[in-house]
């Protein structure tokens, strides 16, 4: 059980790092790469970050959360990084 919790924590950290790297590259890539590389890459990154595309890491995290007895999450960013009003 403790091993699963460590794997879950590492997965959340890895997923966060990937999201921050993608978000940063979305803003820096147009200045560092030619337009014919930057435009398709930024389009792909924007689609993944701002639409309802199902991320495989979120699916894996939900499997680990189920094994640990934790509730599943819908979206990684909205669960960990966006403030929700709870009344």
C-alpha atoms as a PDB file:
ATOM      1  CA  UNK A   1       0.000   0.000   0.000  1.00  0.00           C
ATOM      2  CA  UNK A   2       2.834   2.377   0.834  1.00  0.00           C
ATOM      3  CA  UNK A   3       4.533   1.510  -2.465  1.00  0.00           C
ATOM      4  CA  UNK A   4       1.365   2.362  -4.404  1.00  0.00           C
ATOM      5  CA  UNK A   5       1.130   5.699  -2.611  1.00  0.00           C
ATOM      6  CA  UNK A   6       4.751   6.490  -3.562  1.00  0.00           C
ATOM      7  CA  UNK A   7       4.095   5.525  -7.186  1.00  0.00           C
ATOM      8  CA  UNK A   8       0.983   7.722  -7.162  1.00  0.00           C
ATOM      9  CA  UNK A   9       2.952  10.678  -5.750  1.00  0.00           C
ATOM     10  CA  UNK A  10       5.695  10.234  -8.366  1.00  0.00           C
ATOM     11  CA  UNK A  11       3.081  10.036 -11.122  1.00  0.00           C
ATOM     12  CA  UNK A  12       1.439  13.269  -9.956  1.00  0.00           C
ATOM     13  CA  UNK A  13       4.843  14.995  -9.869  1.00  0.00           C
ATOM     14  CA  UNK A  14       5.774  13.727 -13.329  1.00  0.00           C
ATOM     15  CA  UNK A  15       2.398  14.728 -14.737  1.00  0.00           C
ATOM     16  CA  UNK A  16       2.757  18.227 -13.232  1.00  0.00           C
ATOM     17  CA  UNK A  17       6.244  18.620 -14.712  1.00  0.00           C
ATOM     18  CA  UNK A  18       5.017  17.579 -18.158  1.00  0.00           C
ATOM     19  CA  UNK A  19       2.113  20.030 -18.011  1.00  0.00           C
ATOM     20  CA  UNK A  20       4.356  22.917 -16.932  1.00  0.00           C
ATOM     21  CA  UNK A  21       6.890  22.083 -19.660  1.00  0.00           C
ATOM     22  CA  UNK A  22       4.146  21.969 -22.299  1.00  0.00           C
ATOM     23  CA  UNK A  23       2.642  25.237 -21.115  1.00  0.00           C
ATOM     24  CA  UNK A  24       6.058  26.936 -21.133  1.00  0.00           C
ATOM     25  CA  UNK A  25       6.945  25.590 -24.562  1.00  0.00           C
ATOM     26  CA  UNK A  26       3.601  26.858 -25.904  1.00  0.00           C
ATOM     27  CA  UNK A  27       4.791  30.419 -25.167  1.00  0.00           C
ATOM     28  CA  UNK A  28       8.532  30.064 -25.911  1.00  0.00           C
ATOM     29  CA  UNK A  29       8.543  27.771 -28.941  1.00  0.00           C
ATOM     30  CA  UNK A  30       7.408  30.426 -31.465  1.00  0.00           C
ATOM     31  CA  UNK A  31      10.523  32.456 -30.632  1.00  0.00           C
ATOM     32  CA  UNK A  32      12.957  29.528 -30.643  1.00  0.00           C
ATOM     33  CA  UNK A  33      11.894  27.467 -33.655  1.00  0.00           C
ATOM     34  CA  UNK A  34      11.036  28.194 -37.285  1.00  0.00           C
ATOM     35  CA  UNK A  35       7.349  28.873 -37.963  1.00  0.00           C
ATOM     36  CA  UNK A  36       6.819  25.561 -39.781  1.00  0.00           C
ATOM     37  CA  UNK A  37       7.836  23.703 -36.620  1.00  0.00           C
ATOM     38  CA  UNK A  38       6.336  26.077 -34.050  1.00  0.00           C
ATOM     39  CA  UNK A  39       2.834  26.313 -35.518  1.00  0.00           C
ATOM     40  CA  UNK A  40       2.051  22.555 -35.587  1.00  0.00           C
ATOM     41  CA  UNK A  41       3.670  22.001 -32.187  1.00  0.00           C
ATOM     42  CA  UNK A  42       1.792  24.891 -30.563  1.00  0.00           C
ATOM     43  CA  UNK A  43      -1.446  23.698 -32.163  1.00  0.00           C
ATOM     44  CA  UNK A  44      -0.960  20.228 -30.727  1.00  0.00           C
ATOM     45  CA  UNK A  45       0.010  21.546 -27.291  1.00  0.00           C
ATOM     46  CA  UNK A  46      -2.930  23.956 -27.259  1.00  0.00           C
ATOM     47  CA  UNK A  47      -5.334  21.187 -28.227  1.00  0.00           C
ATOM     48  CA  UNK A  48      -4.108  18.920 -25.461  1.00  0.00           C
ATOM     49  CA  UNK A  49      -4.030  21.664 -22.808  1.00  0.00           C
ATOM     50  CA  UNK A  50      -7.317  23.381 -23.581  1.00  0.00           C
ATOM     51  CA  UNK A  51      -9.712  20.642 -24.730  1.00  0.00           C
ATOM     52  CA  UNK A  52     -11.257  17.532 -23.234  1.00  0.00           C
ATOM     53  CA  UNK A  53      -8.638  15.160 -24.601  1.00  0.00           C
ATOM     54  CA  UNK A  54      -8.232  12.195 -22.246  1.00  0.00           C
ATOM     55  CA  UNK A  55      -4.647  12.001 -21.019  1.00  0.00           C
ATOM     56  CA  UNK A  56      -3.192   8.503 -20.495  1.00  0.00           C
ATOM     57  CA  UNK A  57      -1.460   9.665 -17.295  1.00  0.00           C
ATOM     58  CA  UNK A  58      -4.811  10.735 -15.829  1.00  0.00           C
ATOM     59  CA  UNK A  59      -6.239   7.303 -16.674  1.00  0.00           C
ATOM     60  CA  UNK A  60      -3.255   5.661 -14.945  1.00  0.00           C
ATOM     61  CA  UNK A  61      -3.649   7.939 -11.937  1.00  0.00           C
ATOM     62  CA  UNK A  62      -7.345   7.044 -11.670  1.00  0.00           C
ATOM     63  CA  UNK A  63      -6.429   3.341 -11.627  1.00  0.00           C
ATOM     64  CA  UNK A  64      -3.942   3.962  -8.811  1.00  0.00           C
ATOM     65  CA  UNK A  65      -6.454   6.121  -6.928  1.00  0.00           C
ATOM     66  CA  UNK A  66      -9.028   3.321  -7.160  1.00  0.00           C
ATOM     67  CA  UNK A  67      -6.552   0.794  -5.744  1.00  0.00           C
ATOM     68  CA  UNK A  68      -5.720   3.219  -2.922  1.00  0.00           C
ATOM     69  CA  UNK A  69      -9.403   3.802  -2.092  1.00  0.00           C
ATOM     70  CA  UNK A  70      -9.345   7.429  -3.232  1.00  0.00           C
ATOM     71  CA  UNK A  71     -12.021   9.017  -5.438  1.00  0.00           C
ATOM     72  CA  UNK A  72     -11.273   9.327  -9.145  1.00  0.00           C
ATOM     73  CA  UNK A  73     -10.650  12.685 -10.778  1.00  0.00           C
ATOM     74  CA  UNK A  74     -12.095  14.124 -13.988  1.00  0.00           C
ATOM     75  CA  UNK A  75      -9.263  16.328 -15.178  1.00  0.00           C
ATOM     76  CA  UNK A  76      -5.777  16.669 -13.743  1.00  0.00           C
ATOM     77  CA  UNK A  77      -5.377  20.444 -14.125  1.00  0.00           C
ATOM     78  CA  UNK A  78      -8.789  21.316 -12.741  1.00  0.00           C
ATOM     79  CA  UNK A  79      -8.311  18.943  -9.810  1.00  0.00           C
ATOM     80  CA  UNK A  80      -4.829  20.028  -8.719  1.00  0.00           C
ATOM     81  CA  UNK A  81      -4.324  23.572  -9.999  1.00  0.00           C
ATOM     82  CA  UNK A  82      -7.668  25.385 -10.279  1.00  0.00           C
ATOM     83  CA  UNK A  83      -9.432  26.727  -7.217  1.00  0.00           C
ATOM     84  CA  UNK A  84     -12.958  25.474  -6.752  1.00  0.00           C
ATOM     85  CA  UNK A  85     -15.562  27.277  -4.721  1.00  0.00           C
ATOM     86  CA  UNK A  86     -16.845  24.922  -2.077  1.00  0.00           C
ATOM     87  CA  UNK A  87     -19.822  26.104  -0.099  1.00  0.00           C
END
